[in-house]
Amino acid sequence: MSARPVRKVSSLEELQQLAELLDIVYYEVSGRRADGFDQPSEETVGEVGDDHADIQLMQRMEGNRLAVRTRAMVVTSEGRMVADIAAVFRTPEPVSIPAAIAKRFAEVIATPVTRPYLREAIHQSAVKLGIAAPLLSVLDLEEVGLLPAVAERRVLT
């Protein structure tokens, strides 16, 4: 008895049609106020006006499950908040996804799914800490290629 060959996904559209959202998984939600510590560490506190967010995107395919994780660490002068959330998708059968298609799926399909959960977790951590709640920007549609760049739109109109 021979094993069935693994289906190779040939386009983002094909993967989008195959993948069904199965679950949202929280890996970390944490926050720490900057005040009240004798020696704040570099990763806990930014200088006044030096607020920043570091957002990472990770993905993993195992069998017929594709997980796309988004991790955000937001540092302000008042504290640090971290949220690490994954969208887990399932395909009807195990598939092989070329790296470029998997990356594009993570950017265009999965990130818009995880982004609201990420924003809510960061906001709620700040509220619970009693500090100003930072706002993560709305997903930049140009950045992920859902809209043409401004220069291209000018040419198109």
N, C-alpha and C. Protein backbone atom coordinates (compact mmCIF):
# COMPACT_ATOMS: atom_id res chain seq x y z
N MET A 1 0.85 -1.18 0.00
CA MET A 1 0.00 0.00 0.00
C MET A 1 0.89 1.23 0.00
N SER A 2 0.75 2.09 -0.99
CA SER A 2 1.60 3.27 -1.09
C SER A 2 0.89 4.49 -0.51
N ALA A 3 1.69 5.39 0.03
CA ALA A 3 1.14 6.62 0.61
C ALA A 3 0.75 7.58 -0.50
N ARG A 4 -0.34 8.31 -0.27
CA ARG A 4 -0.77 9.31 -1.26
C ARG A 4 0.25 10.43 -1.32
N PRO A 5 0.52 10.93 -2.52
CA PRO A 5 1.43 12.07 -2.61
C PRO A 5 0.80 13.30 -1.96
N VAL A 6 1.63 14.12 -1.34
CA VAL A 6 1.17 15.34 -0.69
C VAL A 6 0.81 16.36 -1.76
N ARG A 7 -0.33 16.97 -1.62
CA ARG A 7 -0.78 17.98 -2.58
C ARG A 7 0.10 19.22 -2.45
N LYS A 8 0.60 19.71 -3.58
CA LYS A 8 1.41 20.92 -3.59
C LYS A 8 0.52 22.10 -3.95
N VAL A 9 0.50 23.09 -3.05
CA VAL A 9 -0.29 24.30 -3.28
C VAL A 9 0.46 25.17 -4.27
N SER A 10 -0.26 25.66 -5.30
CA SER A 10 0.42 26.41 -6.35
C SER A 10 0.15 27.91 -6.33
N SER A 11 -0.79 28.36 -5.47
CA SER A 11 -1.07 29.80 -5.43
C SER A 11 -1.66 30.20 -4.09
N LEU A 12 -1.60 31.49 -3.80
CA LEU A 12 -2.21 32.02 -2.59
C LEU A 12 -3.71 31.77 -2.61
N GLU A 13 -4.34 31.94 -3.76
CA GLU A 13 -5.78 31.75 -3.89
C GLU A 13 -6.17 30.31 -3.56
N GLU A 14 -5.37 29.35 -4.02
CA GLU A 14 -5.65 27.95 -3.73
C GLU A 14 -5.55 27.69 -2.23
N LEU A 15 -4.50 28.21 -1.59
CA LEU A 15 -4.33 28.02 -0.15
C LEU A 15 -5.46 28.68 0.62
N GLN A 16 -5.87 29.85 0.18
CA GLN A 16 -6.96 30.56 0.84
C GLN A 16 -8.25 29.73 0.78
N GLN A 17 -8.50 29.09 -0.33
CA GLN A 17 -9.70 28.26 -0.47
C GLN A 17 -9.63 26.99 0.36
N LEU A 18 -8.42 26.44 0.52
CA LEU A 18 -8.24 25.20 1.27
C LEU A 18 -8.25 25.41 2.79
N ALA A 19 -7.66 26.51 3.24
CA ALA A 19 -7.43 26.73 4.67
C ALA A 19 -8.67 27.24 5.38
N GLU A 20 -9.01 26.55 6.46
CA GLU A 20 -10.16 26.93 7.29
C GLU A 20 -9.62 27.34 8.66
N LEU A 21 -10.07 28.49 9.17
CA LEU A 21 -9.64 28.93 10.50
C LEU A 21 -10.18 27.96 11.53
N LEU A 22 -9.29 27.38 12.32
CA LEU A 22 -9.65 26.37 13.30
C LEU A 22 -9.68 26.95 14.72
N ASP A 23 -8.69 27.81 15.04
CA ASP A 23 -8.58 28.29 16.42
C ASP A 23 -7.70 29.53 16.49
N ILE A 24 -7.88 30.29 17.57
CA ILE A 24 -6.99 31.38 17.95
C ILE A 24 -6.34 30.94 19.26
N VAL A 25 -5.01 30.93 19.31
CA VAL A 25 -4.29 30.46 20.48
C VAL A 25 -3.46 31.61 21.05
N TYR A 26 -3.60 31.83 22.36
CA TYR A 26 -2.79 32.84 23.05
C TYR A 26 -1.58 32.14 23.67
N TYR A 27 -0.37 32.58 23.30
CA TYR A 27 0.85 32.03 23.86
C TYR A 27 1.36 32.90 25.02
N GLU A 28 1.13 34.20 24.93
CA GLU A 28 1.56 35.09 26.01
C GLU A 28 0.76 36.37 25.95
N VAL A 29 0.33 36.81 27.12
CA VAL A 29 -0.23 38.14 27.30
C VAL A 29 0.34 38.62 28.63
N SER A 30 1.15 39.66 28.59
CA SER A 30 1.78 40.13 29.81
C SER A 30 2.00 41.63 29.76
N GLY A 31 2.19 42.19 30.93
CA GLY A 31 2.48 43.61 31.02
C GLY A 31 3.22 43.91 32.30
N ARG A 32 4.00 44.99 32.27
CA ARG A 32 4.76 45.40 33.45
C ARG A 32 4.83 46.92 33.48
N ARG A 33 4.46 47.48 34.61
CA ARG A 33 4.58 48.93 34.79
C ARG A 33 6.05 49.29 34.95
N ALA A 34 6.40 50.50 34.55
CA ALA A 34 7.78 50.96 34.65
C ALA A 34 8.08 51.54 36.02
N ASP A 35 7.08 52.11 36.67
CA ASP A 35 7.34 52.73 37.97
C ASP A 35 7.34 51.67 39.08
N GLY A 36 7.94 52.02 40.20
CA GLY A 36 7.96 51.11 41.33
C GLY A 36 9.12 50.15 41.34
N PHE A 37 9.98 50.19 40.34
CA PHE A 37 11.15 49.33 40.30
C PHE A 37 12.39 50.16 40.58
N ASP A 38 13.30 49.60 41.37
CA ASP A 38 14.52 50.34 41.69
C ASP A 38 15.40 50.55 40.47
N GLN A 39 15.54 49.53 39.66
CA GLN A 39 16.40 49.63 38.48
C GLN A 39 15.65 49.10 37.26
N PRO A 40 14.97 49.99 36.56
CA PRO A 40 14.26 49.51 35.36
C PRO A 40 15.25 48.96 34.34
N SER A 41 14.88 47.85 33.72
CA SER A 41 15.76 47.27 32.70
C SER A 41 15.51 47.97 31.37
N GLU A 42 16.44 47.81 30.45
CA GLU A 42 16.32 48.44 29.14
C GLU A 42 15.08 47.98 28.40
N GLU A 43 14.73 46.70 28.52
CA GLU A 43 13.59 46.19 27.76
C GLU A 43 12.26 46.59 28.39
N THR A 44 12.27 47.07 29.62
CA THR A 44 11.03 47.43 30.29
C THR A 44 10.60 48.85 29.97
N VAL A 45 11.53 49.76 29.88
CA VAL A 45 11.17 51.16 29.78
C VAL A 45 11.89 51.82 28.63
N GLY A 46 11.19 52.66 27.91
CA GLY A 46 11.81 53.49 26.89
C GLY A 46 11.96 54.89 27.44
N GLU A 47 12.80 55.66 26.83
CA GLU A 47 12.93 57.06 27.22
C GLU A 47 11.64 57.78 26.87
N VAL A 48 11.38 58.89 27.53
CA VAL A 48 10.18 59.67 27.25
C VAL A 48 10.17 60.01 25.76
N GLY A 49 9.06 59.76 25.09
CA GLY A 49 8.97 60.02 23.66
C GLY A 49 9.61 58.94 22.81
N ASP A 50 10.10 57.86 23.45
CA ASP A 50 10.78 56.79 22.73
C ASP A 50 9.93 55.52 22.69
N ASP A 51 8.61 55.69 22.66
CA ASP A 51 7.71 54.55 22.61
C ASP A 51 7.91 53.80 21.29
N HIS A 52 7.84 52.48 21.36
CA HIS A 52 7.99 51.70 20.14
C HIS A 52 7.29 50.34 20.26
N ALA A 53 7.05 49.74 19.12
CA ALA A 53 6.46 48.40 19.07
C ALA A 53 7.31 47.54 18.15
N ASP A 54 7.55 46.32 18.61
CA ASP A 54 8.28 45.33 17.82
C ASP A 54 7.30 44.21 17.51
N ILE A 55 7.01 43.98 16.24
CA ILE A 55 6.04 42.96 15.86
C ILE A 55 6.74 41.91 15.01
N GLN A 56 6.57 40.64 15.40
CA GLN A 56 7.19 39.53 14.68
C GLN A 56 6.10 38.61 14.14
N LEU A 57 6.38 38.02 13.01
CA LEU A 57 5.45 37.09 12.37
C LEU A 57 6.17 35.75 12.19
N MET A 58 5.55 34.66 12.65
CA MET A 58 6.14 33.33 12.54
C MET A 58 5.08 32.39 11.97
N GLN A 59 5.53 31.32 11.31
CA GLN A 59 4.57 30.35 10.78
C GLN A 59 5.13 28.94 10.87
N ARG A 60 4.21 27.98 10.95
CA ARG A 60 4.61 26.57 11.02
C ARG A 60 3.54 25.72 10.35
N MET A 61 3.99 24.80 9.52
CA MET A 61 3.08 23.86 8.84
C MET A 61 3.41 22.47 9.32
N GLU A 62 2.41 21.76 9.84
CA GLU A 62 2.57 20.37 10.25
C GLU A 62 1.36 19.59 9.78
N GLY A 63 1.59 18.66 8.85
CA GLY A 63 0.48 17.87 8.33
C GLY A 63 -0.53 18.75 7.63
N ASN A 64 -1.75 18.79 8.18
CA ASN A 64 -2.78 19.62 7.57
C ASN A 64 -3.09 20.86 8.40
N ARG A 65 -2.18 21.24 9.28
CA ARG A 65 -2.38 22.45 10.11
C ARG A 65 -1.29 23.47 9.84
N LEU A 66 -1.74 24.69 9.67
CA LEU A 66 -0.84 25.83 9.44
C LEU A 66 -1.11 26.84 10.55
N ALA A 67 -0.09 27.14 11.33
CA ALA A 67 -0.23 28.12 12.41
C ALA A 67 0.59 29.35 12.05
N VAL A 68 -0.02 30.51 12.19
CA VAL A 68 0.67 31.78 11.95
C VAL A 68 0.60 32.57 13.24
N ARG A 69 1.77 32.83 13.84
CA ARG A 69 1.86 33.55 15.10
C ARG A 69 2.29 34.98 14.88
N THR A 70 1.65 35.87 15.61
CA THR A 70 2.03 37.27 15.61
C THR A 70 2.36 37.64 17.04
N ARG A 71 3.56 38.19 17.25
CA ARG A 71 4.00 38.58 18.59
C ARG A 71 4.32 40.07 18.57
N ALA A 72 3.74 40.80 19.51
CA ALA A 72 4.01 42.23 19.62
C ALA A 72 4.52 42.55 21.01
N MET A 73 5.59 43.34 21.06
CA MET A 73 6.06 43.89 22.32
C MET A 73 6.01 45.41 22.16
N VAL A 74 5.22 46.03 23.02
CA VAL A 74 5.06 47.48 22.98
C VAL A 74 5.69 48.06 24.23
N VAL A 75 6.63 48.97 24.04
CA VAL A 75 7.33 49.60 25.15
C VAL A 75 7.01 51.09 25.14
N THR A 76 6.56 51.58 26.29
CA THR A 76 6.30 53.01 26.46
C THR A 76 7.06 53.49 27.69
N SER A 77 7.02 54.76 27.95
CA SER A 77 7.68 55.29 29.14
C SER A 77 6.98 54.80 30.41
N GLU A 78 5.75 54.31 30.28
CA GLU A 78 5.01 53.84 31.45
C GLU A 78 5.11 52.33 31.68
N GLY A 79 5.50 51.57 30.67
CA GLY A 79 5.58 50.13 30.86
C GLY A 79 5.81 49.37 29.58
N ARG A 80 5.68 48.05 29.71
CA ARG A 80 5.89 47.14 28.58
C ARG A 80 4.76 46.13 28.53
N MET A 81 4.20 45.92 27.34
CA MET A 81 3.14 44.96 27.15
C MET A 81 3.54 44.00 26.03
N VAL A 82 3.22 42.72 26.23
CA VAL A 82 3.54 41.69 25.23
C VAL A 82 2.28 40.89 24.94
N ALA A 83 2.04 40.62 23.68
CA ALA A 83 0.97 39.71 23.25
C ALA A 83 1.52 38.81 22.15
N ASP A 84 1.27 37.53 22.27
CA ASP A 84 1.76 36.53 21.31
C ASP A 84 0.57 35.63 20.99
N ILE A 85 0.06 35.74 19.77
CA ILE A 85 -1.20 35.10 19.41
C ILE A 85 -1.06 34.40 18.06
N ALA A 86 -1.66 33.22 17.95
CA ALA A 86 -1.60 32.47 16.69
C ALA A 86 -2.99 32.20 16.14
N ALA A 87 -3.07 32.25 14.82
CA ALA A 87 -4.26 31.78 14.10
C ALA A 87 -3.89 30.41 13.55
N VAL A 88 -4.70 29.41 13.88
CA VAL A 88 -4.44 28.04 13.44
C VAL A 88 -5.45 27.69 12.35
N PHE A 89 -4.92 27.31 11.20
CA PHE A 89 -5.75 26.95 10.05
C PHE A 89 -5.60 25.46 9.78
N ARG A 90 -6.62 24.87 9.17
CA ARG A 90 -6.61 23.46 8.83
C ARG A 90 -6.94 23.31 7.35
N THR A 91 -6.24 22.41 6.68
CA THR A 91 -6.57 22.06 5.30
C THR A 91 -7.20 20.66 5.31
N PRO A 92 -8.00 20.32 4.30
CA PRO A 92 -8.66 19.02 4.29
C PRO A 92 -7.70 17.83 4.21
N GLU A 93 -6.49 18.09 3.73
CA GLU A 93 -5.47 17.05 3.59
C GLU A 93 -4.11 17.69 3.79
N PRO A 94 -3.09 16.89 4.10
CA PRO A 94 -1.74 17.47 4.20
C PRO A 94 -1.34 18.10 2.87
N VAL A 95 -0.70 19.26 2.95
CA VAL A 95 -0.28 19.97 1.75
C VAL A 95 1.17 20.42 1.88
N SER A 96 1.77 20.66 0.75
CA SER A 96 3.10 21.24 0.68
C SER A 96 2.93 22.67 0.16
N ILE A 97 3.46 23.62 0.93
CA ILE A 97 3.28 25.03 0.56
C ILE A 97 4.64 25.65 0.30
N PRO A 98 4.88 26.16 -0.89
CA PRO A 98 6.13 26.85 -1.16
C PRO A 98 6.30 28.04 -0.20
N ALA A 99 7.53 28.32 0.18
CA ALA A 99 7.81 29.37 1.17
C ALA A 99 7.20 30.72 0.79
N ALA A 100 7.27 31.08 -0.47
CA ALA A 100 6.75 32.39 -0.90
C ALA A 100 5.23 32.47 -0.70
N ILE A 101 4.52 31.38 -0.97
CA ILE A 101 3.07 31.37 -0.79
C ILE A 101 2.72 31.37 0.70
N ALA A 102 3.45 30.61 1.50
CA ALA A 102 3.22 30.58 2.94
C ALA A 102 3.45 31.95 3.56
N LYS A 103 4.50 32.63 3.10
CA LYS A 103 4.80 33.98 3.62
C LYS A 103 3.68 34.94 3.24
N ARG A 104 3.24 34.87 2.01
CA ARG A 104 2.17 35.75 1.54
C ARG A 104 0.86 35.46 2.28
N PHE A 105 0.56 34.19 2.54
CA PHE A 105 -0.63 33.81 3.30
C PHE A 105 -0.56 34.41 4.71
N ALA A 106 0.61 34.33 5.33
CA ALA A 106 0.78 34.89 6.68
C ALA A 106 0.53 36.39 6.67
N GLU A 107 1.05 37.08 5.67
CA GLU A 107 0.91 38.54 5.60
C GLU A 107 -0.50 38.98 5.25
N VAL A 108 -1.10 38.34 4.26
CA VAL A 108 -2.35 38.83 3.70
C VAL A 108 -3.60 38.21 4.34
N ILE A 109 -3.53 36.96 4.72
CA ILE A 109 -4.71 36.27 5.25
C ILE A 109 -4.65 36.19 6.79
N ALA A 110 -3.56 35.68 7.33
CA ALA A 110 -3.51 35.41 8.77
C ALA A 110 -3.30 36.66 9.62
N THR A 111 -2.48 37.58 9.18
CA THR A 111 -2.23 38.78 9.99
C THR A 111 -3.51 39.57 10.24
N PRO A 112 -4.36 39.78 9.25
CA PRO A 112 -5.62 40.48 9.55
C PRO A 112 -6.52 39.71 10.53
N VAL A 113 -6.34 38.39 10.62
CA VAL A 113 -7.11 37.60 11.58
C VAL A 113 -6.57 37.83 12.99
N THR A 114 -5.25 37.79 13.17
CA THR A 114 -4.66 37.90 14.52
C THR A 114 -4.60 39.33 15.03
N ARG A 115 -4.53 40.30 14.15
CA ARG A 115 -4.31 41.70 14.55
C ARG A 115 -5.31 42.22 15.58
N PRO A 116 -6.62 42.00 15.42
CA PRO A 116 -7.56 42.51 16.44
C PRO A 116 -7.34 41.88 17.81
N TYR A 117 -6.99 40.59 17.86
CA TYR A 117 -6.72 39.91 19.13
C TYR A 117 -5.47 40.50 19.78
N LEU A 118 -4.48 40.77 18.97
CA LEU A 118 -3.23 41.37 19.45
C LEU A 118 -3.49 42.75 20.04
N ARG A 119 -4.23 43.56 19.30
CA ARG A 119 -4.54 44.92 19.75
C ARG A 119 -5.33 44.90 21.05
N GLU A 120 -6.31 44.00 21.14
CA GLU A 120 -7.14 43.92 22.34
C GLU A 120 -6.31 43.48 23.54
N ALA A 121 -5.41 42.51 23.37
CA ALA A 121 -4.59 42.02 24.47
C ALA A 121 -3.65 43.11 24.98
N ILE A 122 -3.02 43.87 24.07
CA ILE A 122 -2.14 44.97 24.47
C ILE A 122 -2.96 46.03 25.21
N HIS A 123 -4.10 46.39 24.68
CA HIS A 123 -4.95 47.41 25.29
C HIS A 123 -5.41 46.98 26.69
N GLN A 124 -5.88 45.75 26.82
CA GLN A 124 -6.36 45.27 28.13
C GLN A 124 -5.24 45.18 29.15
N SER A 125 -4.04 44.80 28.74
CA SER A 125 -2.90 44.77 29.66
C SER A 125 -2.63 46.16 30.21
N ALA A 126 -2.63 47.14 29.33
CA ALA A 126 -2.37 48.52 29.76
C ALA A 126 -3.47 49.00 30.71
N VAL A 127 -4.71 48.72 30.39
CA VAL A 127 -5.83 49.13 31.25
C VAL A 127 -5.68 48.51 32.63
N LYS A 128 -5.37 47.21 32.69
CA LYS A 128 -5.22 46.53 33.98
C LYS A 128 -4.05 47.08 34.78
N LEU A 129 -3.03 47.55 34.09
CA LEU A 129 -1.87 48.14 34.77
C LEU A 129 -2.12 49.59 35.18
N GLY A 130 -3.18 50.18 34.64
CA GLY A 130 -3.49 51.57 34.96
C GLY A 130 -2.59 52.57 34.26
N ILE A 131 -2.13 52.19 33.06
CA ILE A 131 -1.28 53.10 32.28
C ILE A 131 -1.99 53.43 30.97
N ALA A 132 -1.49 54.44 30.29
CA ALA A 132 -2.08 54.83 29.00
C ALA A 132 -2.00 53.66 28.03
N ALA A 133 -3.13 53.34 27.43
CA ALA A 133 -3.19 52.22 26.50
C ALA A 133 -2.65 52.64 25.13
N PRO A 134 -1.56 52.00 24.69
CA PRO A 134 -1.03 52.32 23.35
C PRO A 134 -1.94 51.71 22.30
N LEU A 135 -1.98 52.33 21.16
CA LEU A 135 -2.77 51.80 20.06
C LEU A 135 -1.83 51.28 18.98
N LEU A 136 -2.00 50.01 18.65
CA LEU A 136 -1.26 49.49 17.51
C LEU A 136 -1.95 50.00 16.26
N SER A 137 -1.18 50.38 15.29
CA SER A 137 -1.76 50.93 14.08
C SER A 137 -2.63 49.90 13.38
N VAL A 138 -3.55 50.40 12.60
CA VAL A 138 -4.35 49.53 11.75
C VAL A 138 -3.40 48.92 10.74
N LEU A 139 -3.69 47.70 10.32
CA LEU A 139 -2.84 47.02 9.36
C LEU A 139 -2.67 47.86 8.11
N ASP A 140 -1.43 48.08 7.71
CA ASP A 140 -1.13 48.88 6.52
C ASP A 140 -1.35 48.01 5.28
N LEU A 141 -2.43 48.29 4.56
CA LEU A 141 -2.80 47.47 3.41
C LEU A 141 -1.78 47.55 2.28
N GLU A 142 -1.08 48.69 2.18
CA GLU A 142 -0.01 48.80 1.17
C GLU A 142 1.14 47.89 1.54
N GLU A 143 1.47 47.86 2.84
CA GLU A 143 2.62 47.09 3.31
C GLU A 143 2.47 45.61 2.98
N VAL A 144 1.26 45.07 3.12
CA VAL A 144 1.05 43.65 2.83
C VAL A 144 0.60 43.40 1.39
N GLY A 145 0.53 44.46 0.59
CA GLY A 145 0.26 44.32 -0.82
C GLY A 145 -1.21 44.20 -1.19
N LEU A 146 -2.11 44.58 -0.28
CA LEU A 146 -3.53 44.55 -0.61
C LEU A 146 -3.95 45.79 -1.38
N LEU A 147 -3.14 46.84 -1.30
CA LEU A 147 -3.35 48.05 -2.09
C LEU A 147 -2.05 48.35 -2.80
N PRO A 148 -2.11 48.88 -4.01
CA PRO A 148 -0.85 49.28 -4.66
C PRO A 148 -0.24 50.46 -3.91
N ALA A 149 1.05 50.62 -4.00
CA ALA A 149 1.74 51.74 -3.35
C ALA A 149 1.19 53.06 -3.89
N VAL A 150 1.34 54.12 -3.12
CA VAL A 150 0.80 55.44 -3.50
C VAL A 150 1.26 55.83 -4.89
N ALA A 151 2.54 55.65 -5.20
CA ALA A 151 3.08 56.01 -6.52
C ALA A 151 2.37 55.21 -7.62
N GLU A 152 2.11 53.92 -7.36
CA GLU A 152 1.42 53.10 -8.37
C GLU A 152 -0.02 53.54 -8.54
N ARG A 153 -0.70 53.93 -7.43
CA ARG A 153 -2.09 54.36 -7.53
C ARG A 153 -2.19 55.62 -8.35
N ARG A 154 -1.22 56.52 -8.24
CA ARG A 154 -1.24 57.76 -9.03
C ARG A 154 -1.17 57.44 -10.52
N VAL A 155 -0.36 56.45 -10.87
CA VAL A 155 -0.21 56.06 -12.27
C VAL A 155 -1.52 55.42 -12.76
N LEU A 156 -2.17 54.64 -11.90
CA LEU A 156 -3.39 53.94 -12.29
C LEU A 156 -4.58 54.87 -12.46
N THR A 157 -4.59 56.02 -11.79
CA THR A 157 -5.76 56.92 -11.87
C THR A 157 -5.60 57.96 -12.92
